[in-house]
Amino acid sequence: MTRLFHTTVQTGPVEFEVSEVHCTKVSLGSLDNNSYLLHAGGNSPLLLIDAATEPRRLLGMMAGRPLGVVVSTHRHADHLQALAEVIAQTGAKPFAGRADAEAIAQQTGVASHQVWTGDQIGCGGVSLEVIGLVGHTPGSIALVLRGTGTGPTHIFSGDSLFPGGVGKTDSPADFASLLDDVTGKIFDRFCDQTIIHPGHGDSTTLGAERPQLAQWRARGW
C-alpha cells in the first residue's frame, strides 16, 4: 500500500529538551531513518532509539559518553543496520518488542531483551514506557517519554504512526490491527499536545492527526 507522507530530509541533528532529558534526532542513510539519542545529563549513560545505519556517525555523536541502552522499535532492516556494531563497540543493553526480537536476532546476531505494553525501559535517568503496536510488524513498539509539569509528553513511534497516517501494512487485517492499537493505546490515552517522533521524517502532534482518524479508517491505509 502506497504511503504519501510529508517529510523534510534533515541536514543536521535536531536538539530538543523533554524535562530533564536532552534529545538529539538525527536522520541517517538514504531512507531518512531517524535515530534518537537521549541523555539525562552529567555522567549518566545515553539511550539510543533505533541504531538505523551509519554506526561511526552514531558513535561519534556520543562524544565518549557511555551508551547504556539501545531500543529497536521494530524488525525492519533499515532500522537495524548499525545495531550489531554499536552494541559491540559500547556493550549497551539491547531491547526490542517481544514478537520482533527473534527476527532481529536472526538479522543482526543481537539477542535483545524482550518488552511489551506496560514495560518500562530505564537508563541513567531516562525512563520510557513501552507500547506494543501490532500491524506494521508483529512486535513494533512505541516509546513514551513523559514531560513533567506543563511540558508535553513525547512518543517515539517507530514506523507505526506518522504525520498523515499509520505505517505501511501488508493486509487489511494488519491495517485494522495497527489502526485499532494506535487509536486505543495512543490517541485515546494521550492529549492533543503530545508530540509524535516517527522513524522517518517530520514530527507531529496528536492534535494535528486526531481529526484524520476516521479518514484513515475509511481509505484503508
Protein backbone atom coordinates (compact mmCIF):
# COMPACT_ATOMS: atom_id res chain seq x y z
CA MET A 1 0.00 0.00 0.00
CA THR A 2 1.40 3.41 -1.01
CA ARG A 3 2.27 5.95 1.66
CA LEU A 4 2.40 9.65 0.80
CA PHE A 5 3.52 11.45 3.94
CA HIS A 6 5.02 14.93 4.02
CA THR A 7 8.61 14.75 5.20
CA THR A 8 11.59 17.04 5.23
CA VAL A 9 15.03 15.48 4.93
CA GLN A 10 17.17 16.90 7.71
CA THR A 11 20.58 18.40 7.04
CA GLY A 12 21.85 18.01 10.60
CA PRO A 13 20.88 16.86 14.08
CA VAL A 14 17.82 18.38 15.76
CA GLU A 15 18.09 19.04 19.50
CA PHE A 16 15.18 19.31 21.93
CA GLU A 17 14.54 19.01 25.66
CA VAL A 18 11.94 16.91 27.47
CA SER A 19 12.00 17.96 31.12
CA GLU A 20 15.48 16.92 32.31
CA VAL A 21 16.22 14.79 29.24
CA HIS A 22 18.19 16.13 26.27
CA CYS A 23 17.22 14.54 22.96
CA THR A 24 19.10 14.53 19.68
CA LYS A 25 17.30 13.47 16.50
CA VAL A 26 19.46 12.59 13.51
CA SER A 27 18.49 11.48 10.01
CA LEU A 28 20.65 8.65 8.66
CA GLY A 29 21.09 6.87 5.36
CA SER A 30 19.29 7.04 2.04
CA LEU A 31 15.88 6.28 3.58
CA ASP A 32 15.98 9.22 6.01
CA ASN A 33 15.88 6.95 9.05
CA ASN A 34 15.54 8.77 12.34
CA SER A 35 17.67 7.74 15.29
CA TYR A 36 17.17 9.40 18.67
CA LEU A 37 19.85 9.78 21.35
CA LEU A 38 18.55 10.57 24.86
CA HIS A 39 20.65 11.80 27.79
CA ALA A 40 19.66 12.86 31.31
CA GLY A 41 22.83 14.88 31.83
CA GLY A 42 26.03 14.62 33.82
CA ASN A 43 27.82 11.30 33.71
CA SER A 44 24.65 9.31 33.11
CA PRO A 45 24.68 6.79 30.25
CA LEU A 46 22.92 7.51 26.96
CA LEU A 47 19.92 5.73 25.49
CA LEU A 48 19.62 5.23 21.72
CA ILE A 49 16.35 4.59 19.88
CA ASP A 50 16.96 2.73 16.59
CA ALA A 51 20.58 2.15 15.57
CA ALA A 52 19.50 2.55 11.96
CA THR A 53 22.72 2.92 9.97
CA GLU A 54 25.97 4.94 9.86
CA PRO A 55 27.40 3.44 13.07
CA ARG A 56 30.50 5.65 13.06
CA ARG A 57 28.32 8.74 12.96
CA LEU A 58 26.17 7.47 15.82
CA LEU A 59 29.21 6.58 17.91
CA GLY A 60 30.76 9.97 17.22
CA MET A 61 27.64 11.73 18.49
CA MET A 62 28.16 10.09 21.86
CA ALA A 63 31.34 12.11 22.34
CA GLY A 64 32.93 9.48 24.52
CA ARG A 65 29.97 9.21 26.88
CA PRO A 66 28.81 5.67 27.77
CA LEU A 67 25.84 4.16 25.95
CA GLY A 68 23.66 2.11 28.28
CA VAL A 69 20.69 1.00 26.19
CA VAL A 70 19.68 0.60 22.53
CA VAL A 71 15.97 0.14 21.78
CA SER A 72 14.87 -1.15 18.36
CA THR A 73 11.33 -0.09 17.50
CA HIS A 74 10.80 -2.98 15.07
CA ARG A 75 12.37 -5.68 12.96
CA HIS A 76 12.83 -3.97 9.58
CA ALA A 77 16.41 -3.94 8.33
CA ASP A 78 16.65 -0.21 7.65
CA HIS A 79 16.30 0.39 11.41
CA LEU A 80 18.91 -2.20 12.38
CA GLN A 81 21.95 -1.78 10.15
CA ALA A 82 24.14 -0.23 12.84
CA LEU A 83 22.85 -2.30 15.74
CA ALA A 84 25.48 -5.03 15.86
CA GLU A 85 28.43 -2.63 15.59
CA VAL A 86 27.04 -0.17 18.13
CA ILE A 87 26.42 -2.97 20.64
CA ALA A 88 29.87 -4.45 20.00
CA GLN A 89 31.61 -1.09 20.45
CA THR A 90 29.69 0.03 23.55
CA GLY A 91 28.42 -3.04 25.38
CA ALA A 92 24.98 -1.40 25.60
CA LYS A 93 21.94 -3.49 26.52
CA PRO A 94 19.59 -4.07 23.56
CA PHE A 95 15.77 -4.07 23.83
CA ALA A 96 13.04 -4.90 21.30
CA GLY A 97 9.37 -5.83 21.12
CA ARG A 98 8.68 -9.40 22.14
CA ALA A 99 7.35 -10.62 18.78
CA ASP A 100 10.16 -8.97 16.78
CA ALA A 101 13.13 -9.94 18.94
CA GLU A 102 13.82 -13.28 17.25
CA ALA A 103 13.74 -11.75 13.77
CA ILE A 104 16.11 -9.00 14.92
CA ALA A 105 18.49 -11.60 16.34
CA GLN A 106 18.44 -13.54 13.06
CA GLN A 107 19.30 -10.42 11.06
CA THR A 108 21.89 -8.88 13.37
CA GLY A 109 23.14 -11.54 15.75
CA VAL A 110 21.99 -9.35 18.66
CA ALA A 111 19.78 -11.01 21.28
CA SER A 112 17.52 -8.27 22.63
CA HIS A 113 15.74 -8.12 25.96
CA GLN A 114 12.07 -8.52 25.14
CA VAL A 115 9.50 -5.90 26.17
CA TRP A 116 5.83 -5.16 25.52
CA THR A 117 2.96 -2.93 26.56
CA GLY A 118 3.32 -1.58 30.08
CA ASP A 119 7.00 -2.40 30.46
CA GLN A 120 9.48 0.32 31.40
CA ILE A 121 12.96 0.80 29.98
CA GLY A 122 15.25 2.84 32.22
CA CYS A 123 18.72 4.19 31.58
CA GLY A 124 20.61 6.84 33.54
CA GLY A 125 17.63 8.98 34.47
CA VAL A 126 15.70 8.32 31.24
CA SER A 127 12.51 6.29 31.68
CA LEU A 128 10.46 5.10 28.71
CA GLU A 129 7.07 3.40 28.80
CA VAL A 130 6.63 0.70 26.15
CA ILE A 131 3.51 0.47 23.99
CA GLY A 132 3.13 -2.56 21.71
CA LEU A 133 1.56 -1.81 18.31
CA VAL A 134 0.73 -4.80 16.10
CA GLY A 135 0.40 -4.31 12.36
CA HIS A 136 3.44 -2.72 10.74
CA THR A 137 5.25 -5.72 12.21
CA PRO A 138 4.04 -8.19 14.86
CA GLY A 139 6.31 -6.71 17.52
CA SER A 140 6.56 -2.98 16.79
CA ILE A 141 6.82 -0.74 19.83
CA ALA A 142 6.39 2.93 20.61
CA LEU A 143 8.22 4.58 23.50
CA VAL A 144 6.70 7.20 25.78
CA LEU A 145 8.85 9.91 27.38
CA ARG A 146 6.66 11.91 29.73
CA GLY A 147 7.15 15.59 30.31
CA THR A 148 6.88 17.00 33.81
CA GLY A 149 4.74 19.91 34.91
CA THR A 150 3.20 21.57 31.89
CA GLY A 151 5.63 20.04 29.41
CA PRO A 152 4.17 17.77 26.71
CA THR A 153 4.65 14.04 26.52
CA HIS A 154 6.79 12.78 23.64
CA ILE A 155 6.20 9.43 21.89
CA PHE A 156 8.80 7.79 19.65
CA SER A 157 6.53 5.84 17.31
CA GLY A 158 8.91 3.96 15.02
CA ASP A 159 7.14 3.20 11.74
CA SER A 160 3.69 2.76 13.32
CA LEU A 161 2.50 6.39 13.27
CA PHE A 162 3.48 9.29 11.01
CA PRO A 163 2.10 12.68 10.05
CA GLY A 164 -0.82 11.72 7.82
CA GLY A 165 -1.36 8.10 8.74
CA VAL A 166 -0.26 4.85 10.29
CA GLY A 167 2.69 2.89 8.94
CA LYS A 168 2.73 0.55 5.97
CA THR A 169 0.82 -2.70 6.38
CA ASP A 170 0.59 -5.78 4.16
CA SER A 171 -3.07 -6.74 4.54
CA PRO A 172 -6.43 -5.26 5.59
CA ALA A 173 -6.22 -7.26 8.81
CA ASP A 174 -2.80 -5.81 9.64
CA PHE A 175 -4.07 -2.30 8.88
CA ALA A 176 -7.11 -2.75 11.13
CA SER A 177 -4.90 -4.11 13.91
CA LEU A 178 -2.45 -1.21 13.68
CA LEU A 179 -5.11 1.50 13.49
CA ASP A 180 -7.00 -0.07 16.41
CA ASP A 181 -3.83 -0.21 18.50
CA VAL A 182 -2.76 3.33 17.61
CA THR A 183 -6.27 4.61 18.40
CA GLY A 184 -6.75 2.74 21.67
CA LYS A 185 -3.23 2.85 23.04
CA ILE A 186 -2.15 6.32 21.90
CA PHE A 187 -4.95 8.65 20.73
CA ASP A 188 -7.39 7.54 23.46
CA ARG A 189 -4.76 7.84 26.20
CA PHE A 190 -2.79 10.99 25.41
CA CYS A 191 -3.78 14.61 24.86
CA ASP A 192 -3.53 16.72 21.71
CA GLN A 193 -0.27 18.37 22.83
CA THR A 194 1.55 15.02 22.77
CA ILE A 195 4.42 15.11 20.27
CA ILE A 196 5.00 12.14 17.94
CA HIS A 197 8.52 11.41 16.68
CA PRO A 198 8.38 8.83 13.87
CA GLY A 199 11.00 6.55 12.38
CA HIS A 200 11.33 8.68 9.25
CA GLY A 201 10.78 12.34 8.50
CA ASP A 202 8.98 15.02 10.45
CA SER A 203 7.46 15.03 13.91
CA THR A 204 3.81 15.88 14.53
CA THR A 205 1.26 16.16 17.36
CA LEU A 206 -1.75 14.06 18.23
CA GLY A 207 -3.87 17.18 17.90
CA ALA A 208 -2.80 17.61 14.28
CA GLU A 209 -3.56 13.99 13.43
CA ARG A 210 -6.66 13.22 15.52
CA PRO A 211 -9.20 14.80 13.07
CA GLN A 212 -7.94 12.42 10.34
CA LEU A 213 -8.56 9.12 12.16
CA ALA A 214 -11.93 8.46 10.50
CA GLN A 215 -10.45 9.30 7.10
CA TRP A 216 -7.58 6.86 7.62
CA ARG A 217 -10.01 4.07 8.50
CA ALA A 218 -12.24 4.84 5.52
CA ARG A 219 -9.40 4.84 2.99
CA GLY A 220 -7.90 1.63 4.43
CA TRP A 221 -4.29 2.81 4.74
